[in-house]
Amino acid sequence: MSTIELRRLLIEKIQLTNDDKLLEEASRLLEAAIVESDVYMLNDKQKMAIEEGRKQINRGAYLTDEESNKEIDEWLSE
């Protein structure tokens, strides 16, 4: 089924239903899908921070999950 056919079928079903809960849930799902598909635009500061993080990873300047959890536990026990 093509996107256009599916869209028409959904519109027909929406027009036929009187179930408010179903319509609210369908609306919520569609809204979430639209929000997820938005492209997030980074500003220059954010791009620079990402680039710095990539450089740190390439230099090996990072902690593993296990190492960071150990440091957090040590910090919390002080």
PDB file of N, CA and C in Angstrom:
ATOM      1  N   MET A   1       0.852  -1.167   0.000  1.00  0.00           N
ATOM      2  CA  MET A   1       0.000   0.000   0.000  1.00  0.00           C
ATOM      3  C   MET A   1       0.906   1.240   0.000  1.00  0.00           C
ATOM      4  N   SER A   2       0.602   2.163  -0.866  1.00  0.00           N
ATOM      5  CA  SER A   2       1.416   3.375  -0.970  1.00  0.00           C
ATOM      6  C   SER A   2       1.107   4.328   0.181  1.00  0.00           C
ATOM      7  N   THR A   3       1.966   5.292   0.362  1.00  0.00           N
ATOM      8  CA  THR A   3       1.766   6.297   1.406  1.00  0.00           C
ATOM      9  C   THR A   3       0.453   7.050   1.188  1.00  0.00           C
ATOM     10  N   ILE A   4       0.177   7.406  -0.037  1.00  0.00           N
ATOM     11  CA  ILE A   4      -1.051   8.140  -0.344  1.00  0.00           C
ATOM     12  C   ILE A   4      -2.283   7.287  -0.026  1.00  0.00           C
ATOM     13  N   GLU A   5      -2.248   6.015  -0.386  1.00  0.00           N
ATOM     14  CA  GLU A   5      -3.375   5.126  -0.102  1.00  0.00           C
ATOM     15  C   GLU A   5      -3.560   4.951   1.403  1.00  0.00           C
ATOM     16  N   LEU A   6      -2.473   4.782   2.102  1.00  0.00           N
ATOM     17  CA  LEU A   6      -2.537   4.614   3.549  1.00  0.00           C
ATOM     18  C   LEU A   6      -3.081   5.877   4.216  1.00  0.00           C
ATOM     19  N   ARG A   7      -2.631   7.019   3.754  1.00  0.00           N
ATOM     20  CA  ARG A   7      -3.113   8.292   4.289  1.00  0.00           C
ATOM     21  C   ARG A   7      -4.625   8.424   4.081  1.00  0.00           C
ATOM     22  N   ARG A   8      -5.096   8.098   2.892  1.00  0.00           N
ATOM     23  CA  ARG A   8      -6.545   8.176   2.608  1.00  0.00           C
ATOM     24  C   ARG A   8      -7.335   7.219   3.492  1.00  0.00           C
ATOM     25  N   LEU A   9      -6.816   6.011   3.668  1.00  0.00           N
ATOM     26  CA  LEU A   9      -7.482   5.014   4.505  1.00  0.00           C
ATOM     27  C   LEU A   9      -7.575   5.502   5.951  1.00  0.00           C
ATOM     28  N   LEU A  10      -6.506   6.067   6.453  1.00  0.00           N
ATOM     29  CA  LEU A  10      -6.524   6.586   7.823  1.00  0.00           C
ATOM     30  C   LEU A  10      -7.502   7.744   7.974  1.00  0.00           C
ATOM     31  N   ILE A  11      -7.523   8.618   7.008  1.00  0.00           N
ATOM     32  CA  ILE A  11      -8.454   9.747   7.051  1.00  0.00           C
ATOM     33  C   ILE A  11      -9.899   9.235   7.078  1.00  0.00           C
ATOM     34  N   GLU A  12     -10.193   8.248   6.261  1.00  0.00           N
ATOM     35  CA  GLU A  12     -11.550   7.678   6.242  1.00  0.00           C
ATOM     36  C   GLU A  12     -11.906   7.083   7.600  1.00  0.00           C
ATOM     37  N   LYS A  13     -10.970   6.343   8.199  1.00  0.00           N
ATOM     38  CA  LYS A  13     -11.237   5.724   9.495  1.00  0.00           C
ATOM     39  C   LYS A  13     -11.389   6.778  10.584  1.00  0.00           C
ATOM     40  N   ILE A  14     -10.598   7.819  10.522  1.00  0.00           N
ATOM     41  CA  ILE A  14     -10.701   8.907  11.499  1.00  0.00           C
ATOM     42  C   ILE A  14     -12.071   9.569  11.389  1.00  0.00           C
ATOM     43  N   GLN A  15     -12.530   9.779  10.184  1.00  0.00           N
ATOM     44  CA  GLN A  15     -13.829  10.426   9.981  1.00  0.00           C
ATOM     45  C   GLN A  15     -14.985   9.551  10.470  1.00  0.00           C
ATOM     46  N   LEU A  16     -14.798   8.250  10.473  1.00  0.00           N
ATOM     47  CA  LEU A  16     -15.869   7.336  10.874  1.00  0.00           C
ATOM     48  C   LEU A  16     -15.934   7.091  12.384  1.00  0.00           C
ATOM     49  N   THR A  17     -14.858   7.359  13.108  1.00  0.00           N
ATOM     50  CA  THR A  17     -14.849   7.030  14.529  1.00  0.00           C
ATOM     51  C   THR A  17     -15.386   8.161  15.389  1.00  0.00           C
ATOM     52  N   ASN A  18     -16.033   7.763  16.475  1.00  0.00           N
ATOM     53  CA  ASN A  18     -16.517   8.705  17.484  1.00  0.00           C
ATOM     54  C   ASN A  18     -15.804   8.474  18.813  1.00  0.00           C
ATOM     55  N   ASP A  19     -14.777   7.639  18.806  1.00  0.00           N
ATOM     56  CA  ASP A  19     -14.051   7.279  20.017  1.00  0.00           C
ATOM     57  C   ASP A  19     -13.018   8.361  20.338  1.00  0.00           C
ATOM     58  N   ASP A  20     -13.339   9.210  21.319  1.00  0.00           N
ATOM     59  CA  ASP A  20     -12.445  10.312  21.670  1.00  0.00           C
ATOM     60  C   ASP A  20     -11.074   9.822  22.120  1.00  0.00           C
ATOM     61  N   LYS A  21     -11.040   8.762  22.905  1.00  0.00           N
ATOM     62  CA  LYS A  21      -9.758   8.230  23.403  1.00  0.00           C
ATOM     63  C   LYS A  21      -8.882   7.764  22.239  1.00  0.00           C
ATOM     64  N   LEU A  22      -9.483   7.080  21.293  1.00  0.00           N
ATOM     65  CA  LEU A  22      -8.744   6.610  20.125  1.00  0.00           C
ATOM     66  C   LEU A  22      -8.208   7.786  19.314  1.00  0.00           C
ATOM     67  N   LEU A  23      -9.037   8.794  19.115  1.00  0.00           N
ATOM     68  CA  LEU A  23      -8.608   9.980  18.366  1.00  0.00           C
ATOM     69  C   LEU A  23      -7.486  10.720  19.100  1.00  0.00           C
ATOM     70  N   GLU A  24      -7.587  10.817  20.436  1.00  0.00           N
ATOM     71  CA  GLU A  24      -6.532  11.467  21.208  1.00  0.00           C
ATOM     72  C   GLU A  24      -5.219  10.704  21.089  1.00  0.00           C
ATOM     73  N   GLU A  25      -5.293   9.388  21.173  1.00  0.00           N
ATOM     74  CA  GLU A  25      -4.083   8.561  21.073  1.00  0.00           C
ATOM     75  C   GLU A  25      -3.477   8.646  19.677  1.00  0.00           C
ATOM     76  N   ALA A  26      -4.303   8.607  18.657  1.00  0.00           N
ATOM     77  CA  ALA A  26      -3.810   8.740  17.284  1.00  0.00           C
ATOM     78  C   ALA A  26      -3.137  10.095  17.100  1.00  0.00           C
ATOM     79  N   SER A  27      -3.738  11.124  17.644  1.00  0.00           N
ATOM     80  CA  SER A  27      -3.165  12.463  17.559  1.00  0.00           C
ATOM     81  C   SER A  27      -1.825  12.522  18.273  1.00  0.00           C
ATOM     82  N   ARG A  28      -1.750  11.914  19.453  1.00  0.00           N
ATOM     83  CA  ARG A  28      -0.502  11.894  20.223  1.00  0.00           C
ATOM     84  C   ARG A  28       0.600  11.169  19.456  1.00  0.00           C
ATOM     85  N   LEU A  29       0.272  10.039  18.878  1.00  0.00           N
ATOM     86  CA  LEU A  29       1.258   9.268  18.113  1.00  0.00           C
ATOM     87  C   LEU A  29       1.751  10.040  16.889  1.00  0.00           C
ATOM     88  N   LEU A  30       0.820  10.669  16.194  1.00  0.00           N
ATOM     89  CA  LEU A  30       1.206  11.449  15.019  1.00  0.00           C
ATOM     90  C   LEU A  30       2.061  12.651  15.408  1.00  0.00           C
ATOM     91  N   GLU A  31       1.711  13.300  16.496  1.00  0.00           N
ATOM     92  CA  GLU A  31       2.493  14.455  16.972  1.00  0.00           C
ATOM     93  C   GLU A  31       3.903  14.027  17.341  1.00  0.00           C
ATOM     94  N   ALA A  32       4.026  12.896  18.034  1.00  0.00           N
ATOM     95  CA  ALA A  32       5.347  12.391  18.417  1.00  0.00           C
ATOM     96  C   ALA A  32       6.181  12.078  17.180  1.00  0.00           C
ATOM     97  N   ALA A  33       5.562  11.513  16.156  1.00  0.00           N
ATOM     98  CA  ALA A  33       6.274  11.185  14.924  1.00  0.00           C
ATOM     99  C   ALA A  33       6.743  12.447  14.210  1.00  0.00           C
ATOM    100  N   ILE A  34       5.933  13.474  14.251  1.00  0.00           N
ATOM    101  CA  ILE A  34       6.305  14.738  13.598  1.00  0.00           C
ATOM    102  C   ILE A  34       7.471  15.385  14.339  1.00  0.00           C
ATOM    103  N   VAL A  35       7.398  15.390  15.666  1.00  0.00           N
ATOM    104  CA  VAL A  35       8.465  15.984  16.475  1.00  0.00           C
ATOM    105  C   VAL A  35       9.771  15.227  16.266  1.00  0.00           C
ATOM    106  N   GLU A  36       9.711  13.885  16.224  1.00  0.00           N
ATOM    107  CA  GLU A  36      10.908  13.079  16.037  1.00  0.00           C
ATOM    108  C   GLU A  36      11.554  13.314  14.675  1.00  0.00           C
ATOM    109  N   SER A  37      10.769  13.688  13.698  1.00  0.00           N
ATOM    110  CA  SER A  37      11.317  13.862  12.367  1.00  0.00           C
ATOM    111  C   SER A  37      11.914  15.248  12.161  1.00  0.00           C
ATOM    112  N   ASP A  38      11.720  16.152  13.138  1.00  0.00           N
ATOM    113  CA  ASP A  38      12.300  17.483  13.021  1.00  0.00           C
ATOM    114  C   ASP A  38      13.825  17.398  13.042  1.00  0.00           C
ATOM    115  N   VAL A  39      14.453  18.211  12.248  1.00  0.00           N
ATOM    116  CA  VAL A  39      15.907  18.268  12.215  1.00  0.00           C
ATOM    117  C   VAL A  39      16.362  19.270  13.257  1.00  0.00           C
ATOM    118  N   TYR A  40      17.265  18.842  14.120  1.00  0.00           N
ATOM    119  CA  TYR A  40      17.768  19.731  15.155  1.00  0.00           C
ATOM    120  C   TYR A  40      18.955  20.489  14.595  1.00  0.00           C
ATOM    121  N   MET A  41      18.881  21.799  14.648  1.00  0.00           N
ATOM    122  CA  MET A  41      19.954  22.644  14.133  1.00  0.00           C
ATOM    123  C   MET A  41      20.880  23.034  15.281  1.00  0.00           C
ATOM    124  N   LEU A  42      22.162  22.772  15.118  1.00  0.00           N
ATOM    125  CA  LEU A  42      23.146  23.105  16.132  1.00  0.00           C
ATOM    126  C   LEU A  42      23.727  24.486  15.864  1.00  0.00           C
ATOM    127  N   ASN A  43      23.999  25.220  16.960  1.00  0.00           N
ATOM    128  CA  ASN A  43      24.681  26.492  16.785  1.00  0.00           C
ATOM    129  C   ASN A  43      26.193  26.243  16.764  1.00  0.00           C
ATOM    130  N   ASP A  44      26.954  27.272  16.500  1.00  0.00           N
ATOM    131  CA  ASP A  44      28.408  27.113  16.377  1.00  0.00           C
ATOM    132  C   ASP A  44      29.044  26.603  17.660  1.00  0.00           C
ATOM    133  N   LYS A  45      28.572  27.072  18.809  1.00  0.00           N
ATOM    134  CA  LYS A  45      29.121  26.632  20.094  1.00  0.00           C
ATOM    135  C   LYS A  45      28.890  25.127  20.291  1.00  0.00           C
ATOM    136  N   GLN A  46      27.714  24.656  19.948  1.00  0.00           N
ATOM    137  CA  GLN A  46      27.398  23.234  20.075  1.00  0.00           C
ATOM    138  C   GLN A  46      28.249  22.397  19.121  1.00  0.00           C
ATOM    139  N   LYS A  47      28.424  22.889  17.898  1.00  0.00           N
ATOM    140  CA  LYS A  47      29.254  22.176  16.922  1.00  0.00           C
ATOM    141  C   LYS A  47      30.694  22.081  17.410  1.00  0.00           C
ATOM    142  N   MET A  48      31.198  23.162  18.011  1.00  0.00           N
ATOM    143  CA  MET A  48      32.569  23.162  18.526  1.00  0.00           C
ATOM    144  C   MET A  48      32.708  22.181  19.691  1.00  0.00           C
ATOM    145  N   ALA A  49      31.689  22.110  20.552  1.00  0.00           N
ATOM    146  CA  ALA A  49      31.721  21.179  21.677  1.00  0.00           C
ATOM    147  C   ALA A  49      31.734  19.734  21.193  1.00  0.00           C
ATOM    148  N   ILE A  50      30.964  19.446  20.170  1.00  0.00           N
ATOM    149  CA  ILE A  50      30.945  18.096  19.597  1.00  0.00           C
ATOM    150  C   ILE A  50      32.295  17.769  18.992  1.00  0.00           C
ATOM    151  N   GLU A  51      32.868  18.699  18.266  1.00  0.00           N
ATOM    152  CA  GLU A  51      34.176  18.478  17.657  1.00  0.00           C
ATOM    153  C   GLU A  51      35.240  18.248  18.728  1.00  0.00           C
ATOM    154  N   GLU A  52      35.190  19.009  19.807  1.00  0.00           N
ATOM    155  CA  GLU A  52      36.141  18.818  20.912  1.00  0.00           C
ATOM    156  C   GLU A  52      35.977  17.429  21.521  1.00  0.00           C
ATOM    157  N   GLY A  53      34.739  16.997  21.692  1.00  0.00           N
ATOM    158  CA  GLY A  53      34.478  15.659  22.212  1.00  0.00           C
ATOM    159  C   GLY A  53      35.029  14.574  21.303  1.00  0.00           C
ATOM    160  N   ARG A  54      34.895  14.755  20.021  1.00  0.00           N
ATOM    161  CA  ARG A  54      35.446  13.783  19.065  1.00  0.00           C
ATOM    162  C   ARG A  54      36.965  13.731  19.145  1.00  0.00           C
ATOM    163  N   LYS A  55      37.586  14.900  19.306  1.00  0.00           N
ATOM    164  CA  LYS A  55      39.048  14.947  19.442  1.00  0.00           C
ATOM    165  C   LYS A  55      39.481  14.230  20.724  1.00  0.00           C
ATOM    166  N   GLN A  56      38.743  14.433  21.806  1.00  0.00           N
ATOM    167  CA  GLN A  56      39.071  13.760  23.063  1.00  0.00           C
ATOM    168  C   GLN A  56      38.965  12.246  22.910  1.00  0.00           C
ATOM    169  N   ILE A  57      37.953  11.791  22.232  1.00  0.00           N
ATOM    170  CA  ILE A  57      37.790  10.353  22.000  1.00  0.00           C
ATOM    171  C   ILE A  57      38.965   9.818  21.189  1.00  0.00           C
ATOM    172  N   ASN A  58      39.358  10.534  20.146  1.00  0.00           N
ATOM    173  CA  ASN A  58      40.479  10.099  19.315  1.00  0.00           C
ATOM    174  C   ASN A  58      41.789  10.042  20.100  1.00  0.00           C
ATOM    175  N   ARG A  59      41.945  10.931  21.093  1.00  0.00           N
ATOM    176  CA  ARG A  59      43.144  10.947  21.936  1.00  0.00           C
ATOM    177  C   ARG A  59      43.049   9.923  23.061  1.00  0.00           C
ATOM    178  N   GLY A  60      41.901   9.305  23.219  1.00  0.00           N
ATOM    179  CA  GLY A  60      41.702   8.352  24.311  1.00  0.00           C
ATOM    180  C   GLY A  60      41.395   9.039  25.631  1.00  0.00           C
ATOM    181  N   ALA A  61      41.033  10.303  25.577  1.00  0.00           N
ATOM    182  CA  ALA A  61      40.756  11.083  26.786  1.00  0.00           C
ATOM    183  C   ALA A  61      39.280  10.955  27.156  1.00  0.00           C
ATOM    184  N   TYR A  62      38.906   9.792  27.614  1.00  0.00           N
ATOM    185  CA  TYR A  62      37.524   9.551  28.023  1.00  0.00           C
ATOM    186  C   TYR A  62      37.506   8.431  29.054  1.00  0.00           C
ATOM    187  N   LEU A  63      36.402   8.301  29.757  1.00  0.00           N
ATOM    188  CA  LEU A  63      36.210   7.232  30.726  1.00  0.00           C
ATOM    189  C   LEU A  63      35.208   6.235  30.172  1.00  0.00           C
ATOM    190  N   THR A  64      35.435   4.987  30.489  1.00  0.00           N
ATOM    191  CA  THR A  64      34.430   3.977  30.153  1.00  0.00           C
ATOM    192  C   THR A  64      33.268   4.147  31.122  1.00  0.00           C
ATOM    193  N   ASP A  65      32.177   3.498  30.842  1.00  0.00           N
ATOM    194  CA  ASP A  65      31.022   3.538  31.733  1.00  0.00           C
ATOM    195  C   ASP A  65      31.410   3.026  33.110  1.00  0.00           C
ATOM    196  N   GLU A  66      32.156   1.951  33.132  1.00  0.00           N
ATOM    197  CA  GLU A  66      32.597   1.357  34.402  1.00  0.00           C
ATOM    198  C   GLU A  66      33.488   2.325  35.178  1.00  0.00           C
ATOM    199  N   GLU A  67      34.433   2.966  34.495  1.00  0.00           N
ATOM    200  CA  GLU A  67      35.328   3.921  35.151  1.00  0.00           C
ATOM    201  C   GLU A  67      34.560   5.118  35.700  1.00  0.00           C
ATOM    202  N   SER A  68      33.632   5.626  34.916  1.00  0.00           N
ATOM    203  CA  SER A  68      32.870   6.796  35.381  1.00  0.00           C
ATOM    204  C   SER A  68      31.983   6.431  36.561  1.00  0.00           C
ATOM    205  N   ASN A  69      31.383   5.253  36.542  1.00  0.00           N
ATOM    206  CA  ASN A  69      30.561   4.817  37.675  1.00  0.00           C
ATOM    207  C   ASN A  69      31.405   4.674  38.935  1.00  0.00           C
ATOM    208  N   LYS A  70      32.634   4.173  38.785  1.00  0.00           N
ATOM    209  CA  LYS A  70      33.540   4.024  39.920  1.00  0.00           C
ATOM    210  C   LYS A  70      33.884   5.401  40.496  1.00  0.00           C
ATOM    211  N   GLU A  71      34.195   6.362  39.643  1.00  0.00           N
ATOM    212  CA  GLU A  71      34.510   7.714  40.105  1.00  0.00           C
ATOM    213  C   GLU A  71      33.306   8.352  40.813  1.00  0.00           C
ATOM    214  N   ILE A  72      32.129   8.156  40.265  1.00  0.00           N
ATOM    215  CA  ILE A  72      30.919   8.700  40.889  1.00  0.00           C
ATOM    216  C   ILE A  72      30.695   8.083  42.258  1.00  0.00           C
ATOM    217  N   ASP A  73      30.846   6.757  42.349  1.00  0.00           N
ATOM    218  CA  ASP A  73      30.683   6.081  43.632  1.00  0.00           C
ATOM    219  C   ASP A  73      31.680   6.587  44.654  1.00  0.00           C
ATOM    220  N   GLU A  74      32.938   6.782  44.232  1.00  0.00           N
ATOM    221  CA  GLU A  74      33.955   7.307  45.135  1.00  0.00           C
ATOM    222  C   GLU A  74      33.598   8.721  45.587  1.00  0.00           C
ATOM    223  N   TRP A  75      33.130   9.538  44.664  1.00  0.00           N
ATOM    224  CA  TRP A  75      32.762  10.909  44.987  1.00  0.00           C
ATOM    225  C   TRP A  75      31.588  10.955  45.960  1.00  0.00           C
ATOM    226  N   LEU A  76      30.608  10.096  45.733  1.00  0.00           N
ATOM    227  CA  LEU A  76      29.433  10.062  46.604  1.00  0.00           C
ATOM    228  C   LEU A  76      29.746   9.544  48.002  1.00  0.00           C
ATOM    229  N   SER A  77      30.780   8.718  48.118  1.00  0.00           N
ATOM    230  CA  SER A  77      31.108   8.144  49.436  1.00  0.00           C
ATOM    231  C   SER A  77      31.956   9.095  50.281  1.00  0.00           C
ATOM    232  N   GLU A  78      32.389  10.232  49.718  1.00  0.00           N
ATOM    233  CA  GLU A  78      33.197  11.194  50.476  1.00  0.00           C
ATOM    234  C   GLU A  78      32.358  11.951  51.471  1.00  0.00           C
TER     235      GLU A  78
END
